[in-house]
Every structure is written in structure tokens, then in C-alpha cells.
C-alpha atoms as a PDB file:
ATOM      1  CA  MET A   1       0.000   0.000   0.000  1.00  0.00           C
ATOM      2  CA  PRO A   2       1.370   3.496  -0.791  1.00  0.00           C
ATOM      3  CA  GLU A   3       2.625   5.529   2.186  1.00  0.00           C
ATOM      4  CA  SER A   4      -0.180   8.039   1.686  1.00  0.00           C
ATOM      5  CA  GLY A   5      -2.682   5.200   1.881  1.00  0.00           C
ATOM      6  CA  LYS A   6      -1.161   3.898   5.108  1.00  0.00           C
ATOM      7  CA  SER A   7      -1.229   7.375   6.599  1.00  0.00           C
ATOM      8  CA  SER A   8      -4.848   7.819   5.622  1.00  0.00           C
ATOM      9  CA  SER A   9      -5.807   4.475   7.161  1.00  0.00           C
ATOM     10  CA  VAL A  10      -4.031   5.291  10.435  1.00  0.00           C
ATOM     11  CA  ASN A  11      -5.686   8.699  10.608  1.00  0.00           C
ATOM     12  CA  ASP A  12      -9.074   7.117   9.947  1.00  0.00           C
ATOM     13  CA  ALA A  13      -8.463   4.681  12.798  1.00  0.00           C
ATOM     14  CA  TYR A  14      -7.526   7.498  15.188  1.00  0.00           C
ATOM     15  CA  GLU A  15     -10.599   9.457  14.118  1.00  0.00           C
ATOM     16  CA  MET A  16     -12.826   6.434  14.794  1.00  0.00           C
ATOM     17  CA  ILE A  17     -11.316   5.802  18.241  1.00  0.00           C
ATOM     18  CA  ASP A  18     -11.606   9.482  19.080  1.00  0.00           C
ATOM     19  CA  ALA A  19     -15.255   9.476  18.026  1.00  0.00           C
ATOM     20  CA  VAL A  20     -15.985   6.410  20.164  1.00  0.00           C
ATOM     21  CA  THR A  21     -14.481   7.957  23.313  1.00  0.00           C
ATOM     22  CA  ALA A  22     -15.731  11.507  22.648  1.00  0.00           C
ATOM     23  CA  PRO A  23     -18.912  11.028  24.740  1.00  0.00           C
ATOM     24  CA  LEU A  24     -16.696  10.317  27.770  1.00  0.00           C
ATOM     25  CA  GLY A  25     -15.391  13.863  27.537  1.00  0.00           C
ATOM     26  CA  GLN A  26     -18.903  15.233  27.991  1.00  0.00           C
ATOM     27  CA  LEU A  27     -19.492  13.389  31.264  1.00  0.00           C
ATOM     28  CA  THR A  28     -19.984  15.935  34.033  1.00  0.00           C
ATOM     29  CA  PHE A  29     -19.027  15.857  37.702  1.00  0.00           C
ATOM     30  CA  ALA A  30     -20.789  18.004  40.290  1.00  0.00           C
ATOM     31  CA  MET A  31     -18.459  19.827  42.655  1.00  0.00           C
ATOM     32  CA  PRO A  32     -18.791  22.682  45.131  1.00  0.00           C
ATOM     33  CA  HIS A  33     -18.900  25.990  43.196  1.00  0.00           C
ATOM     34  CA  ARG A  34     -19.239  24.430  39.695  1.00  0.00           C
ATOM     35  CA  THR A  35     -19.897  21.434  37.528  1.00  0.00           C
ATOM     36  CA  PHE A  36     -17.080  20.388  35.209  1.00  0.00           C
ATOM     37  CA  SER A  37     -16.808  17.988  32.303  1.00  0.00           C
ATOM     38  CA  LEU A  38     -14.104  15.384  31.873  1.00  0.00           C
ATOM     39  CA  ASN A  39     -12.752  17.468  28.969  1.00  0.00           C
ATOM     40  CA  ASP A  40     -12.538  20.564  31.207  1.00  0.00           C
ATOM     41  CA  ALA A  41     -10.683  18.581  33.857  1.00  0.00           C
ATOM     42  CA  LEU A  42      -8.197  17.211  31.345  1.00  0.00           C
ATOM     43  CA  ALA A  43      -7.628  20.647  29.858  1.00  0.00           C
ATOM     44  CA  SER A  44      -6.997  22.563  33.056  1.00  0.00           C
ATOM     45  CA  HIS A  45      -7.240  20.744  36.406  1.00  0.00           C
ATOM     46  CA  PRO A  46      -3.806  20.424  38.120  1.00  0.00           C
ATOM     47  CA  SER A  47      -4.570  16.840  39.124  1.00  0.00           C
ATOM     48  CA  PHE A  48      -4.410  15.897  35.428  1.00  0.00           C
ATOM     49  CA  ARG A  49      -1.247  17.793  34.542  1.00  0.00           C
ATOM     50  CA  SER A  50       0.589  14.566  33.620  1.00  0.00           C
ATOM     51  CA  LEU A  51      -2.180  13.618  31.156  1.00  0.00           C
ATOM     52  CA  GLN A  52      -2.599  17.004  29.496  1.00  0.00           C
ATOM     53  CA  ILE A  53       0.179  16.407  26.972  1.00  0.00           C
ATOM     54  CA  PHE A  54      -1.654  13.239  25.850  1.00  0.00           C
ATOM     55  CA  TYR A  55      -5.003  15.025  25.741  1.00  0.00           C
ATOM     56  CA  MET A  56      -3.621  17.685  23.409  1.00  0.00           C
ATOM     57  CA  GLN A  57      -2.580  15.056  20.825  1.00  0.00           C
ATOM     58  CA  LYS A  58      -5.280  13.519  18.646  1.00  0.00           C
ATOM     59  CA  THR A  59      -3.485  10.179  18.593  1.00  0.00           C
ATOM     60  CA  THR A  60      -3.487   9.816  22.387  1.00  0.00           C
ATOM     61  CA  ARG A  61      -6.588  11.800  23.395  1.00  0.00           C
ATOM     62  CA  SER A  62      -8.693   8.663  23.862  1.00  0.00           C
ATOM     63  CA  PHE A  63      -6.033   7.168  26.137  1.00  0.00           C
ATOM     64  CA  ALA A  64      -6.102  10.323  28.286  1.00  0.00           C
ATOM     65  CA  ARG A  65      -9.900  10.249  28.567  1.00  0.00           C
ATOM     66  CA  ILE A  66      -9.989   6.608  29.644  1.00  0.00           C
ATOM     67  CA  VAL A  67      -7.223   6.976  32.232  1.00  0.00           C
ATOM     68  CA  ALA A  68      -8.754  10.167  33.666  1.00  0.00           C
ATOM     69  CA  LEU A  69     -12.218   8.620  33.907  1.00  0.00           C
ATOM     70  CA  ARG A  70     -10.875   5.552  35.694  1.00  0.00           C
ATOM     71  CA  TRP A  71      -8.982   7.810  38.124  1.00  0.00           C
ATOM     72  CA  LEU A  72     -12.038   9.990  38.797  1.00  0.00           C
ATOM     73  CA  LEU A  73     -14.259   6.975  39.451  1.00  0.00           C
ATOM     74  CA  THR A  74     -11.837   5.494  41.991  1.00  0.00           C
ATOM     75  CA  ALA A  75      -9.576   7.459  44.339  1.00  0.00           C
ATOM     76  CA  GLY A  76      -9.225  10.563  42.235  1.00  0.00           C
ATOM     77  CA  PHE A  77     -12.736  12.008  42.430  1.00  0.00           C
ATOM     78  CA  SER A  78     -12.938  11.613  46.186  1.00  0.00           C
ATOM     79  CA  SER A  79      -9.563  13.293  46.654  1.00  0.00           C
ATOM     80  CA  ILE A  80     -10.594  16.273  44.506  1.00  0.00           C
ATOM     81  CA  ALA A  81     -13.934  16.534  46.265  1.00  0.00           C
ATOM     82  CA  LEU A  82     -12.420  16.353  49.721  1.00  0.00           C
ATOM     83  CA  SER A  83     -10.010  19.160  48.878  1.00  0.00           C
ATOM     84  CA  GLN A  84     -12.959  21.551  48.486  1.00  0.00           C
ATOM     85  CA  SER A  85     -15.527  22.834  50.936  1.00  0.00           C
ATOM     86  CA  SER A  86     -17.830  20.072  52.135  1.00  0.00           C
ATOM     87  CA  SER A  87     -20.904  22.049  51.047  1.00  0.00           C
ATOM     88  CA  PRO A  88     -21.514  24.622  48.318  1.00  0.00           C
ATOM     89  CA  ARG A  89     -21.132  28.236  49.385  1.00  0.00           C
ATOM     90  CA  THR A  90     -23.580  30.907  48.379  1.00  0.00           C
ATOM     91  CA  GLY A  91     -22.929  34.609  48.174  1.00  0.00           C
ATOM     92  CA  PRO A  92     -21.144  37.043  45.884  1.00  0.00           C
ATOM     93  CA  LEU A  93     -17.740  36.754  44.308  1.00  0.00           C
ATOM     94  CA  VAL A  94     -15.417  39.383  45.800  1.00  0.00           C
ATOM     95  CA  VAL A  95     -12.625  40.780  43.616  1.00  0.00           C
ATOM     96  CA  GLN A  96      -9.978  42.781  45.480  1.00  0.00           C
ATOM     97  CA  GLY A  97      -7.446  45.340  44.327  1.00  0.00           C
ATOM     98  CA  ALA A  98      -5.401  47.765  46.386  1.00  0.00           C
ATOM     99  CA  MET A  99      -5.378  50.886  44.226  1.00  0.00           C
ATOM    100  CA  ARG A 100      -7.477  52.864  41.777  1.00  0.00           C
ATOM    101  CA  SER A 101      -5.339  51.505  38.919  1.00  0.00           C
ATOM    102  CA  GLU A 102      -6.233  47.967  40.015  1.00  0.00           C
ATOM    103  CA  THR A 103      -9.989  48.389  40.543  1.00  0.00           C
ATOM    104  CA  GLU A 104     -11.607  51.218  38.562  1.00  0.00           C
ATOM    105  CA  GLU A 105     -12.032  49.286  35.317  1.00  0.00           C
ATOM    106  CA  LEU A 106     -13.481  46.249  37.062  1.00  0.00           C
ATOM    107  CA  ALA A 107     -15.898  48.446  39.012  1.00  0.00           C
ATOM    108  CA  ALA A 108     -16.983  50.102  35.761  1.00  0.00           C
ATOM    109  CA  ARG A 109     -17.870  46.678  34.317  1.00  0.00           C
ATOM    110  CA  LEU A 110     -20.431  45.976  37.051  1.00  0.00           C
ATOM    111  CA  GLU A 111     -24.148  46.309  36.372  1.00  0.00           C
ATOM    112  CA  ASN A 112     -26.704  47.633  38.875  1.00  0.00           C
ATOM    113  CA  VAL A 113     -23.975  49.193  40.983  1.00  0.00           C
ATOM    114  CA  ARG A 114     -24.290  50.390  44.561  1.00  0.00           C
ATOM    115  CA  ILE A 115     -21.326  51.751  46.498  1.00  0.00           C
ATOM    116  CA  ASP A 116     -20.626  51.083  50.165  1.00  0.00           C
ATOM    117  CA  THR A 117     -17.892  52.922  52.055  1.00  0.00           C
ATOM    118  CA  VAL A 118     -16.602  51.582  55.361  1.00  0.00           C
ATOM    119  CA  ALA A 119     -14.036  53.983  56.850  1.00  0.00           C
ATOM    120  CA  GLY A 120     -11.472  54.243  54.018  1.00  0.00           C
ATOM    121  CA  TRP A 121     -12.467  51.052  52.183  1.00  0.00           C
ATOM    122  CA  ILE A 122     -14.782  51.136  49.168  1.00  0.00           C
ATOM    123  CA  PHE A 123     -16.974  48.266  47.976  1.00  0.00           C
ATOM    124  CA  TRP A 124     -18.771  48.380  44.648  1.00  0.00           C
ATOM    125  CA  ARG A 125     -21.726  45.963  44.727  1.00  0.00           C
ATOM    126  CA  GLY A 126     -23.232  44.886  41.424  1.00  0.00           C
ATOM    127  CA  THR A 127     -23.671  42.012  39.032  1.00  0.00           C
ATOM    128  CA  ILE A 128     -21.865  40.411  36.101  1.00  0.00           C
ATOM    129  CA  ASP A 129     -24.034  38.274  33.835  1.00  0.00           C
ATOM    130  CA  GLY A 130     -26.701  38.257  36.517  1.00  0.00           C
ATOM    131  CA  SER A 131     -24.532  36.987  39.390  1.00  0.00           C
ATOM    132  CA  PRO A 132     -23.528  39.143  42.374  1.00  0.00           C
ATOM    133  CA  VAL A 133     -19.978  40.490  42.283  1.00  0.00           C
ATOM    134  CA  ILE A 134     -18.284  42.926  44.643  1.00  0.00           C
ATOM    135  CA  VAL A 135     -15.182  44.907  43.726  1.00  0.00           C
ATOM    136  CA  SER A 136     -13.231  45.858  46.846  1.00  0.00           C
ATOM    137  CA  ARG A 137     -10.527  48.508  46.983  1.00  0.00           C
ATOM    138  CA  THR A 138      -8.481  47.266  49.916  1.00  0.00           C
ATOM    139  CA  LEU A 139      -5.875  50.059  49.951  1.00  0.00           C
ATOM    140  CA  ARG A 140      -2.195  49.194  50.074  1.00  0.00           C
ATOM    141  CA  GLY A 141      -0.397  47.034  52.612  1.00  0.00           C
ATOM    142  CA  VAL A 142      -0.999  43.947  54.698  1.00  0.00           C
ATOM    143  CA  VAL A 143      -3.018  45.643  57.445  1.00  0.00           C
ATOM    144  CA  ASN A 144      -5.371  47.305  54.978  1.00  0.00           C
ATOM    145  CA  ALA A 145      -5.756  44.073  53.009  1.00  0.00           C
ATOM    146  CA  ALA A 146      -6.545  42.059  56.138  1.00  0.00           C
ATOM    147  CA  ALA A 147      -9.043  44.652  57.377  1.00  0.00           C
ATOM    148  CA  ALA A 148     -10.801  44.942  54.011  1.00  0.00           C
ATOM    149  CA  THR A 149     -11.019  41.161  53.695  1.00  0.00           C
ATOM    150  CA  THR A 150     -12.519  40.842  57.172  1.00  0.00           C
ATOM    151  CA  ILE A 151     -15.106  43.522  56.373  1.00  0.00           C
ATOM    152  CA  ALA A 152     -15.980  41.836  53.072  1.00  0.00           C
ATOM    153  CA  ILE A 153     -16.470  38.439  54.702  1.00  0.00           C
ATOM    154  CA  GLU A 154     -18.426  39.720  57.702  1.00  0.00           C
ATOM    155  CA  HIS A 155     -20.685  42.059  55.694  1.00  0.00           C
ATOM    156  CA  TYR A 156     -21.184  40.235  52.390  1.00  0.00           C
ATOM    157  CA  HIS A 157     -20.485  36.539  53.134  1.00  0.00           C
ATOM    158  CA  PRO A 158     -18.752  35.854  49.815  1.00  0.00           C
ATOM    159  CA  ALA A 159     -18.640  32.487  48.101  1.00  0.00           C
ATOM    160  CA  VAL A 160     -15.083  33.094  46.891  1.00  0.00           C
ATOM    161  CA  ILE A 161     -12.433  35.843  46.897  1.00  0.00           C
ATOM    162  CA  ILE A 162     -10.005  36.816  44.134  1.00  0.00           C
ATOM    163  CA  ASN A 163      -7.163  39.152  45.060  1.00  0.00           C
ATOM    164  CA  GLN A 164      -5.555  40.705  41.992  1.00  0.00           C
ATOM    165  CA  GLY A 165      -3.319  43.546  40.860  1.00  0.00           C
ATOM    166  CA  THR A 166       0.289  44.364  40.040  1.00  0.00           C
ATOM    167  CA  ALA A 167       3.470  42.822  41.446  1.00  0.00           C
ATOM    168  CA  GLY A 168       7.241  42.870  41.097  1.00  0.00           C
ATOM    169  CA  GLY A 169       8.997  39.885  39.578  1.00  0.00           C
ATOM    170  CA  HIS A 170      11.280  37.579  41.575  1.00  0.00           C
ATOM    171  CA  GLU A 171      12.725  35.542  38.720  1.00  0.00           C
ATOM    172  CA  PRO A 172      14.286  36.578  35.396  1.00  0.00           C
ATOM    173  CA  GLY A 173      12.078  34.299  33.331  1.00  0.00           C
ATOM    174  CA  ILE A 174       8.884  36.258  33.907  1.00  0.00           C
ATOM    175  CA  HIS A 175       8.320  39.579  32.185  1.00  0.00           C
ATOM    176  CA  LEU A 176       6.004  42.564  31.998  1.00  0.00           C
ATOM    177  CA  TYR A 177       2.371  41.560  31.433  1.00  0.00           C
ATOM    178  CA  ASP A 178       2.958  37.938  32.457  1.00  0.00           C
ATOM    179  CA  ILE A 179       0.307  36.898  34.984  1.00  0.00           C
ATOM    180  CA  VAL A 180       1.046  34.655  37.959  1.00  0.00           C
ATOM    181  CA  LEU A 181      -1.791  32.484  39.257  1.00  0.00           C
ATOM    182  CA  GLY A 182      -1.100  31.979  42.944  1.00  0.00           C
ATOM    183  CA  THR A 183      -1.028  28.278  43.658  1.00  0.00           C
ATOM    184  CA  SER A 184      -0.009  29.605  47.053  1.00  0.00           C
ATOM    185  CA  ALA A 185       0.639  32.907  48.792  1.00  0.00           C
ATOM    186  CA  ILE A 186       3.383  33.357  51.381  1.00  0.00           C
ATOM    187  CA  SER A 187       4.060  35.955  54.055  1.00  0.00           C
ATOM    188  CA  LEU A 188       7.406  37.684  53.590  1.00  0.00           C
ATOM    189  CA  GLY A 189       6.830  39.988  56.540  1.00  0.00           C
ATOM    190  CA  ALA A 190       7.290  37.723  59.547  1.00  0.00           C
ATOM    191  CA  PHE A 191      10.876  36.851  60.482  1.00  0.00           C
ATOM    192  CA  ARG A 192      13.023  36.387  63.566  1.00  0.00           C
ATOM    193  CA  THR A 193      16.519  37.860  63.531  1.00  0.00           C
ATOM    194  CA  PRO A 194      19.492  36.129  65.132  1.00  0.00           C
ATOM    195  CA  PHE A 195      21.296  37.886  67.968  1.00  0.00           C
ATOM    196  CA  ARG A 196      23.834  40.455  66.837  1.00  0.00           C
ATOM    197  CA  ALA A 197      25.928  42.584  69.120  1.00  0.00           C
ATOM    198  CA  ALA A 198      25.661  46.343  68.983  1.00  0.00           C
ATOM    199  CA  GLY A 199      27.566  47.836  66.092  1.00  0.00           C
ATOM    200  CA  THR A 200      27.646  44.652  63.977  1.00  0.00           C
ATOM    201  CA  GLY A 201      24.881  45.701  61.606  1.00  0.00           C
ATOM    202  CA  SER A 202      22.032  43.635  60.184  1.00  0.00           C
ATOM    203  CA  ASN A 203      21.699  40.986  57.490  1.00  0.00           C
ATOM    204  CA  ALA A 204      18.241  39.944  56.277  1.00  0.00           C
ATOM    205  CA  LEU A 205      19.736  36.880  54.612  1.00  0.00           C
ATOM    206  CA  ASP A 206      20.185  35.398  58.094  1.00  0.00           C
ATOM    207  CA  TRP A 207      16.622  35.955  59.228  1.00  0.00           C
ATOM    208  CA  THR A 208      14.394  32.943  59.999  1.00  0.00           C
ATOM    209  CA  PRO A 209      10.704  32.912  58.966  1.00  0.00           C
ATOM    210  CA  LEU A 210       7.925  32.772  61.522  1.00  0.00           C
ATOM    211  CA  ASN A 211       4.772  30.821  60.727  1.00  0.00           C
ATOM    212  CA  MET A 212       1.948  32.966  62.079  1.00  0.00           C
ATOM    213  CA  MET A 213      -0.604  30.140  61.708  1.00  0.00           C
ATOM    214  CA  THR A 214       1.017  27.847  64.273  1.00  0.00           C
ATOM    215  CA  PRO A 215       0.008  27.755  67.981  1.00  0.00           C
ATOM    216  CA  GLU A 216       1.440  30.254  70.449  1.00  0.00           C
ATOM    217  CA  GLY A 217       4.939  29.556  71.652  1.00  0.00           C
ATOM    218  CA  THR A 218       5.995  27.313  68.761  1.00  0.00           C
ATOM    219  CA  ALA A 219       8.352  29.854  67.168  1.00  0.00           C
ATOM    220  CA  SER A 220      11.100  29.061  69.662  1.00  0.00           C
ATOM    221  CA  ALA A 221      10.297  25.472  70.651  1.00  0.00           C
ATOM    222  CA  ASP A 222       9.009  23.845  67.462  1.00  0.00           C
ATOM    223  CA  SER A 223      10.504  23.844  63.969  1.00  0.00           C
ATOM    224  CA  SER A 224       7.000  24.103  62.472  1.00  0.00           C
ATOM    225  CA  GLY A 225       6.868  27.634  63.816  1.00  0.00           C
ATOM    226  CA  ARG A 226       9.999  28.539  61.881  1.00  0.00           C
ATOM    227  CA  ARG A 227       8.565  27.930  58.430  1.00  0.00           C
ATOM    228  CA  ILE A 228       7.153  30.450  56.007  1.00  0.00           C
ATOM    229  CA  SER A 229       3.407  31.044  56.351  1.00  0.00           C
ATOM    230  CA  ARG A 230       1.846  29.581  53.210  1.00  0.00           C
ATOM    231  CA  PHE A 231      -1.775  29.705  52.020  1.00  0.00           C
ATOM    232  CA  GLN A 232      -2.916  27.499  49.145  1.00  0.00           C
ATOM    233  CA  GLY A 233      -4.929  28.892  46.249  1.00  0.00           C
ATOM    234  CA  ASP A 234      -8.335  27.334  45.631  1.00  0.00           C
ATOM    235  CA  SER A 235      -7.990  24.620  42.988  1.00  0.00           C
ATOM    236  CA  LEU A 236     -11.323  25.291  41.287  1.00  0.00           C
ATOM    237  CA  LEU A 237     -10.654  29.016  40.943  1.00  0.00           C
ATOM    238  CA  LEU A 238      -7.237  28.154  39.533  1.00  0.00           C
ATOM    239  CA  ALA A 239      -8.852  25.777  37.044  1.00  0.00           C
ATOM    240  CA  VAL A 240     -11.246  28.490  35.851  1.00  0.00           C
ATOM    241  CA  ALA A 241      -8.352  30.937  35.509  1.00  0.00           C
ATOM    242  CA  ARG A 242      -6.317  28.456  33.471  1.00  0.00           C
ATOM    243  CA  ILE A 243      -9.196  28.105  31.037  1.00  0.00           C
ATOM    244  CA  ALA A 244      -9.511  31.907  30.724  1.00  0.00           C
ATOM    245  CA  ALA A 245      -5.749  32.080  30.132  1.00  0.00           C
ATOM    246  CA  ARG A 246      -6.181  30.571  26.678  1.00  0.00           C
ATOM    247  CA  ASP A 247      -7.471  33.931  25.406  1.00  0.00           C
ATOM    248  CA  TYR A 248      -4.887  36.147  27.116  1.00  0.00           C
ATOM    249  CA  LYS A 249      -2.528  37.640  24.518  1.00  0.00           C
ATOM    250  CA  ARG A 250      -0.505  40.242  26.433  1.00  0.00           C
ATOM    251  CA  GLY A 251       1.926  37.763  27.973  1.00  0.00           C
ATOM    252  CA  ARG A 252       2.071  34.328  29.553  1.00  0.00           C
ATOM    253  CA  VAL A 253      -0.176  33.041  32.336  1.00  0.00           C
ATOM    254  CA  VAL A 254       1.798  30.798  34.696  1.00  0.00           C
ATOM    255  CA  ASP A 255       1.342  29.077  38.037  1.00  0.00           C
ATOM    256  CA  GLY A 256       3.490  30.501  40.803  1.00  0.00           C
ATOM    257  CA  VAL A 257       3.880  31.718  44.365  1.00  0.00           C
ATOM    258  CA  ILE A 258       2.930  35.229  45.452  1.00  0.00           C
ATOM    259  CA  GLY A 259       4.945  36.698  48.332  1.00  0.00           C
ATOM    260  CA  SER A 260       3.593  39.608  50.379  1.00  0.00           C
ATOM    261  CA  SER A 261       4.944  42.112  52.882  1.00  0.00           C
ATOM    262  CA  ASP A 262       4.986  45.846  53.512  1.00  0.00           C
ATOM    263  CA  MET A 263       8.396  46.081  51.840  1.00  0.00           C
ATOM    264  CA  TRP A 264       9.347  46.916  48.258  1.00  0.00           C
ATOM    265  CA  VAL A 265      12.441  44.753  47.770  1.00  0.00           C
ATOM    266  CA  ASP A 266      15.050  45.673  45.145  1.00  0.00           C
ATOM    267  CA  GLU A 267      17.997  43.856  46.783  1.00  0.00           C
ATOM    268  CA  LEU A 268      18.876  41.063  44.373  1.00  0.00           C
ATOM    269  CA  ASP A 269      20.371  38.817  47.067  1.00  0.00           C
ATOM    270  CA  LEU A 270      17.241  39.092  49.198  1.00  0.00           C
ATOM    271  CA  ILE A 271      14.990  38.463  46.200  1.00  0.00           C
ATOM    272  CA  ALA A 272      17.105  35.405  45.401  1.00  0.00           C
ATOM    273  CA  LYS A 273      16.655  34.136  48.957  1.00  0.00           C
ATOM    274  CA  TYR A 274      12.871  34.497  48.732  1.00  0.00           C
ATOM    275  CA  HIS A 275      12.803  32.788  45.350  1.00  0.00           C
ATOM    276  CA  THR A 276      15.171  29.899  46.043  1.00  0.00           C
ATOM    277  CA  ARG A 277      14.106  29.106  49.625  1.00  0.00           C
ATOM    278  CA  TYR A 278      10.385  29.820  49.475  1.00  0.00           C
ATOM    279  CA  GLY A 279       9.605  29.654  45.761  1.00  0.00           C
ATOM    280  CA  SER A 280       8.349  33.216  45.325  1.00  0.00           C
ATOM    281  CA  SER A 281       7.567  34.242  41.752  1.00  0.00           C
ATOM    282  CA  VAL A 282       6.428  37.804  42.466  1.00  0.00           C
ATOM    283  CA  GLU A 283       6.002  40.140  45.429  1.00  0.00           C
ATOM    284  CA  ASP A 284       3.151  42.441  46.413  1.00  0.00           C
ATOM    285  CA  MET A 285       1.801  43.959  49.617  1.00  0.00           C
ATOM    286  CA  GLU A 286      -1.614  42.361  50.002  1.00  0.00           C
ATOM    287  CA  THR A 287      -2.252  38.819  48.746  1.00  0.00           C
ATOM    288  CA  ALA A 288      -0.938  36.732  51.653  1.00  0.00           C
ATOM    289  CA  ALA A 289      -2.657  38.911  54.247  1.00  0.00           C
ATOM    290  CA  ALA A 290      -6.006  38.567  52.495  1.00  0.00           C
ATOM    291  CA  ALA A 291      -5.384  34.831  52.056  1.00  0.00           C
ATOM    292  CA  GLN A 292      -4.659  34.431  55.771  1.00  0.00           C
ATOM    293  CA  VAL A 293      -7.961  36.035  56.755  1.00  0.00           C
ATOM    294  CA  ALA A 294      -9.843  33.987  54.154  1.00  0.00           C
ATOM    295  CA  ALA A 295      -8.229  30.825  55.542  1.00  0.00           C
ATOM    296  CA  HIS A 296      -9.488  31.633  59.048  1.00  0.00           C
ATOM    297  CA  TYR A 297     -13.020  32.010  57.642  1.00  0.00           C
ATOM    298  CA  HIS A 298     -12.677  28.992  55.314  1.00  0.00           C
ATOM    299  CA  VAL A 299     -13.521  31.083  52.251  1.00  0.00           C
ATOM    300  CA  PRO A 300     -12.035  29.818  48.959  1.00  0.00           C
ATOM    301  CA  PHE A 301      -9.357  32.263  47.814  1.00  0.00           C
ATOM    302  CA  VAL A 302      -6.885  32.797  45.015  1.00  0.00           C
ATOM    303  CA  GLY A 303      -4.395  35.513  44.121  1.00  0.00           C
ATOM    304  CA  MET A 304      -3.661  36.644  40.555  1.00  0.00           C
ATOM    305  CA  ARG A 305      -0.850  39.107  39.915  1.00  0.00           C
ATOM    306  CA  ILE A 306       0.476  40.716  36.761  1.00  0.00           C
ATOM    307  CA  VAL A 307       4.175  41.564  36.521  1.00  0.00           C
ATOM    308  CA  SER A 308       4.501  45.362  36.477  1.00  0.00           C
ATOM    309  CA  ASP A 309       8.294  45.465  36.950  1.00  0.00           C
ATOM    310  CA  ASN A 310      11.128  43.028  37.535  1.00  0.00           C
ATOM    311  CA  THR A 311      14.419  44.019  39.125  1.00  0.00           C
ATOM    312  CA  THR A 312      15.959  40.621  38.356  1.00  0.00           C
ATOM    313  CA  ASN A 313      15.862  41.159  34.582  1.00  0.00           C
ATOM    314  CA  GLY A 314      15.693  44.946  34.290  1.00  0.00           C
ATOM    315  CA  ASP A 315      12.043  45.259  33.254  1.00  0.00           C
ATOM    316  CA  LYS A 316      10.979  48.782  34.225  1.00  0.00           C
ATOM    317  CA  TYR A 317       7.645  49.639  35.811  1.00  0.00           C
ATOM    318  CA  ASP A 318       4.735  49.846  33.365  1.00  0.00           C
ATOM    319  CA  PRO A 319       1.636  51.603  34.789  1.00  0.00           C
ATOM    320  CA  MET A 320      -0.649  50.023  32.183  1.00  0.00           C
ATOM    321  CA  THR A 321      -0.209  46.520  33.558  1.00  0.00           C
ATOM    322  CA  GLY A 322      -2.974  47.085  36.108  1.00  0.00           C
ATOM    323  CA  SER A 323      -5.466  47.584  33.290  1.00  0.00           C
ATOM    324  CA  ALA A 324      -4.399  44.358  31.563  1.00  0.00           C
ATOM    325  CA  CYS A 325      -4.783  42.413  34.793  1.00  0.00           C
ATOM    326  CA  GLN A 326      -8.301  43.745  35.323  1.00  0.00           C
ATOM    327  CA  GLU A 327      -9.263  42.683  31.806  1.00  0.00           C
ATOM    328  CA  PHE A 328      -7.961  39.160  32.449  1.00  0.00           C
ATOM    329  CA  VAL A 329      -9.679  38.896  35.837  1.00  0.00           C
ATOM    330  CA  TYR A 330     -12.932  40.109  34.297  1.00  0.00           C
ATOM    331  CA  ARG A 331     -12.730  37.151  31.908  1.00  0.00           C
ATOM    332  CA  VAL A 332     -12.062  34.839  34.837  1.00  0.00           C
ATOM    333  CA  VAL A 333     -15.106  36.192  36.666  1.00  0.00           C
ATOM    334  CA  LYS A 334     -17.308  35.671  33.617  1.00  0.00           C
ATOM    335  CA  SER A 335     -16.045  32.101  33.267  1.00  0.00           C
ATOM    336  CA  TYR A 336     -16.680  31.443  36.945  1.00  0.00           C
ATOM    337  CA  VAL A 337     -20.194  32.882  36.706  1.00  0.00           C
ATOM    338  CA  ALA A 338     -20.897  30.775  33.619  1.00  0.00           C
ATOM    339  CA  SER A 339     -19.784  27.654  35.472  1.00  0.00           C
ATOM    340  CA  LEU A 340     -22.406  28.288  38.155  1.00  0.00           C
ATOM    341  CA  HIS A 341     -25.212  28.019  35.616  1.00  0.00           C
ATOM    342  CA  ARG A 342     -24.065  24.843  33.852  1.00  0.00           C
END
């Protein structure tokens, strides 16, 4: 048989197998916050990262569907389900940003808007595609972020919280307009210094992290108290964001770690310490504080940060990055809202 004939026959076989297994991809699984199909899970859920390369190839797509289905129907589905809230949450989606440049465009996208002001914090209440959404201007810094998050949870009882805005890069491989999806957020503002005699100066590279989520007294007696405070991003919100990332054209959308403190760090050695020891991809002044409060209240949370500058590779500050991040997050919100009505 000619080579072209063999190739045609093989392609026909792959097409037939793909057609046979295609209905598997439409199977849906009910989860807190959304219902997802097997195809959605294969395309974006982190639990299926090892299968995604097979799913993207026509010749192995059927294999990926069958393996994923078997995994979901045995241990896999229970492990995903148990990682989420045990019951669906109701309430609005809260989107946070610290500054005008991180919130005004999102607030303008809301329909049926009402504005609440609590002390210095502003909350725009409205809807997107018929679902309640609140845009919260937290103001800058960890204290403001924690206070605004507490107010939002106590007053509005949100289903989920997205903290978004600009951030400085901690690794040379990420550039202006790249967006980091926070698989976790870490506190870079809680450290214990070693003893140094008067006149010997200070060296932040020697400082030891303090885990503010451990019981009292553990910082000196227990090694668990001397770890960085880390707050995991909600897996379903991350999955929705990864789907929305397909249409983002301004840069890359990558998973990473968002570090937060009330410092703006330009010391390359200190940035390197944060990146190599704790995995930080970017730094800001709000995400980890908001995540810590959300963790206390058991509210699903994720941080999303666009790179506005990067000392490690010389990328200078671009004030328009905040607008690009808001546009991306708006698409994430719309995708999340759509998932609620499936």
C-alpha cells in the first residue's frame, strides 16, 4: 500500500477511536462551586497535569480520557472533592485590588452598581451576567488588606475571593504583562533575627521565617513555627483561571507563588533568597494577608498578579499593567459565573 494510503488508514483509525471515546469527555461531575466535564478537567485541572500532553494530541486523546475517567471513578474524584468545601457556598464573588489603577475598570464593568464605604475602604456591589460580584478597593499594605477582607467576609459573606493587581517579579524568566496564578501565597513579613551585638549591623539573609498560623509559643520550641506562612490557592478558581488564560494575549499566564509584605524589595540577594528558599515568583503587599484572613473564615481564595516590573531582569515599571490584569480577571469572573449556571 502506498505511504499516503497507510497514513490515511491510520488517521481514519484514530478518528474512529476518538469518536468512540468523545462522549466520555462530555461526562460531568458536580463539585462545590461548579460542575465540570471530563474534557474541562483534562484541559486545566492540576490533578491531570501529567495527562494534558496526551489530551492535546489527537493520537493519544482517547487514552487520556480513559485513564482520567478511571482515576475519577476510583480514588481521584474523592480526593478532589475532599479538597474543596464540604458544602456549596452561596454569596457574591469578591474581587480585590489595592489601588485605583487595580480596581476602577473592574468596578466600571459591574451592572446595577451600589457603592458602600466603610471607613477608608470602598466596595462596589453589582452584578456580572446576573450573578452578584463585589469589587473591593483594599488600599495598600498587609493591614489594609486584612481589614478589608474581614469587612468583606463579615458584611457580604462571599462564596469566593479573588485578590488581583500588580506585582514585582522575583525571577528573570517572567516579564512585563505575564500573569502569575497563585497556587499559594506566602508571608514575607514575619521573620526572627538572630542575635547580633551592637555595632555589627544587620543581614536579612540570616533571618528565619515565623509561621503565624502555628500555635502560640511554637516559634522558639518547634521547627513548624519557623517555616514560612503559606496559604494554598483554591484549585477550582485556579482551574477556571487556566481556562480563561487561553485567550490572554498580552503575555504568559503561569502558576506561581505570590509573596507579600509591607516592603518593596530591590535587593537582588534578598529576592534570590525568597525565590530559592520559598519559591516566590512575584512580590506584592496584600495577597498573603487577604489569604490568611480567608483561611481563618474557610472562604475559597486565590491571588492573581500581573508583573509590572522586575528588578531581576531589568524590566521597568509599566503603569498600564494594572489595566491588563483587570481585563484578564474580568474574563475569569465571567467564566466562573458561567460555570455556576451549567
